[in-house]
Amino acid sequence: MRVGERVVFDASIAPIELHVEVGATIAIGDDVYVASGTSMEAQRSICIGARACIGAFTKIIDLVGGTFR
């Protein structure tokens, strides 16, 4: 997992969940804001670009093969 500079994880309302499978990656660019309740699950790769704003209770999941495991 790689987290850029000045990234804000705002878990003031609800926890933020980051799940990274063995061999997978989550990369978060500089100046990113991640709001409360956000959940990211990487089976292979998730890349969030610089200056992104992730809204509250957003789910970001990469699906290997198009189905949940």
C-alpha atoms as a PDB file:
ATOM      1  CA  MET A   1       0.000   0.000   0.000  1.00  0.00           C
ATOM      2  CA  ARG A   2       1.263   3.476  -0.899  1.00  0.00           C
ATOM      3  CA  VAL A   3      -0.184   6.681   0.557  1.00  0.00           C
ATOM      4  CA  GLY A   4       0.862  10.036  -0.865  1.00  0.00           C
ATOM      5  CA  GLU A   5       1.571  13.268   0.964  1.00  0.00           C
ATOM      6  CA  ARG A   6      -1.130  15.335   2.701  1.00  0.00           C
ATOM      7  CA  VAL A   7      -3.734  12.540   2.504  1.00  0.00           C
ATOM      8  CA  VAL A   8      -6.597  12.998   4.974  1.00  0.00           C
ATOM      9  CA  PHE A   9      -8.476   9.991   6.360  1.00  0.00           C
ATOM     10  CA  ASP A  10     -11.518  11.527   8.095  1.00  0.00           C
ATOM     11  CA  ALA A  11     -13.028   8.775  10.262  1.00  0.00           C
ATOM     12  CA  SER A  12     -14.892  11.229  12.514  1.00  0.00           C
ATOM     13  CA  ILE A  13     -18.326   9.659  11.833  1.00  0.00           C
ATOM     14  CA  ALA A  14     -17.511   6.033  10.941  1.00  0.00           C
ATOM     15  CA  PRO A  15     -14.383   3.871  10.521  1.00  0.00           C
ATOM     16  CA  ILE A  16     -12.543   3.654   7.201  1.00  0.00           C
ATOM     17  CA  GLU A  17     -11.773   0.108   5.996  1.00  0.00           C
ATOM     18  CA  LEU A  18      -8.814  -0.788   3.775  1.00  0.00           C
ATOM     19  CA  HIS A  19      -8.490  -4.460   2.768  1.00  0.00           C
ATOM     20  CA  VAL A  20      -5.564  -5.559   0.589  1.00  0.00           C
ATOM     21  CA  GLU A  21      -5.327  -9.191  -0.544  1.00  0.00           C
ATOM     22  CA  VAL A  22      -1.903 -10.845  -0.661  1.00  0.00           C
ATOM     23  CA  GLY A  23      -0.110  -9.555  -3.760  1.00  0.00           C
ATOM     24  CA  ALA A  24      -2.613  -6.711  -4.315  1.00  0.00           C
ATOM     25  CA  THR A  25      -1.964  -2.966  -3.996  1.00  0.00           C
ATOM     26  CA  ILE A  26      -3.774   0.206  -3.025  1.00  0.00           C
ATOM     27  CA  ALA A  27      -2.082   3.431  -4.165  1.00  0.00           C
ATOM     28  CA  ILE A  28      -3.436   6.790  -3.019  1.00  0.00           C
ATOM     29  CA  GLY A  29      -2.009   9.955  -4.578  1.00  0.00           C
ATOM     30  CA  ASP A  30      -1.111  13.269  -2.969  1.00  0.00           C
ATOM     31  CA  ASP A  31      -3.717  15.656  -1.484  1.00  0.00           C
ATOM     32  CA  VAL A  32      -6.523  13.058  -1.367  1.00  0.00           C
ATOM     33  CA  TYR A  33      -9.439  13.323   1.063  1.00  0.00           C
ATOM     34  CA  VAL A  34     -11.110  10.076   2.198  1.00  0.00           C
ATOM     35  CA  ALA A  35     -14.386  10.616   4.100  1.00  0.00           C
ATOM     36  CA  SER A  36     -15.874   8.575   6.944  1.00  0.00           C
ATOM     37  CA  GLY A  37     -17.240   5.129   6.221  1.00  0.00           C
ATOM     38  CA  THR A  38     -15.211   4.617   3.043  1.00  0.00           C
ATOM     39  CA  SER A  39     -14.282   1.018   2.258  1.00  0.00           C
ATOM     40  CA  MET A  40     -11.607  -0.086  -0.241  1.00  0.00           C
ATOM     41  CA  GLU A  41     -11.015  -3.740  -1.097  1.00  0.00           C
ATOM     42  CA  ALA A  42      -8.188  -4.620  -3.485  1.00  0.00           C
ATOM     43  CA  GLN A  43      -7.943  -8.119  -4.929  1.00  0.00           C
ATOM     44  CA  ARG A  44      -5.507  -6.891  -7.568  1.00  0.00           C
ATOM     45  CA  SER A  45      -5.063  -3.090  -7.731  1.00  0.00           C
ATOM     46  CA  ILE A  46      -6.796   0.149  -6.789  1.00  0.00           C
ATOM     47  CA  CYS A  47      -5.229   3.491  -7.764  1.00  0.00           C
ATOM     48  CA  ILE A  48      -6.679   6.799  -6.527  1.00  0.00           C
ATOM     49  CA  GLY A  49      -5.214   9.804  -8.351  1.00  0.00           C
ATOM     50  CA  ALA A  50      -3.909  13.014  -6.809  1.00  0.00           C
ATOM     51  CA  ARG A  51      -6.396  15.575  -5.479  1.00  0.00           C
ATOM     52  CA  ALA A  52      -9.329  13.117  -5.442  1.00  0.00           C
ATOM     53  CA  CYS A  53     -12.137  13.506  -2.931  1.00  0.00           C
ATOM     54  CA  ILE A  54     -13.819  10.256  -1.837  1.00  0.00           C
ATOM     55  CA  GLY A  55     -17.313  10.835  -0.391  1.00  0.00           C
ATOM     56  CA  ALA A  56     -18.685   9.354   2.814  1.00  0.00           C
ATOM     57  CA  PHE A  57     -19.610   5.646   2.796  1.00  0.00           C
ATOM     58  CA  THR A  58     -18.132   5.060  -0.675  1.00  0.00           C
ATOM     59  CA  LYS A  59     -17.121   1.497  -1.562  1.00  0.00           C
ATOM     60  CA  ILE A  60     -14.245   0.956  -4.004  1.00  0.00           C
ATOM     61  CA  ILE A  61     -13.745  -2.694  -4.950  1.00  0.00           C
ATOM     62  CA  ASP A  62     -11.808  -4.251  -7.826  1.00  0.00           C
ATOM     63  CA  LEU A  63     -13.464  -7.478  -8.867  1.00  0.00           C
ATOM     64  CA  VAL A  64     -11.187 -10.146 -10.232  1.00  0.00           C
ATOM     65  CA  GLY A  65     -13.202 -12.124 -12.760  1.00  0.00           C
ATOM     66  CA  GLY A  66     -16.249  -9.882 -12.235  1.00  0.00           C
ATOM     67  CA  THR A  67     -17.553 -11.664  -9.138  1.00  0.00           C
ATOM     68  CA  PHE A  68     -17.122 -11.365  -5.401  1.00  0.00           C
ATOM     69  CA  ARG A  69     -15.017 -14.016  -3.743  1.00  0.00           C
END
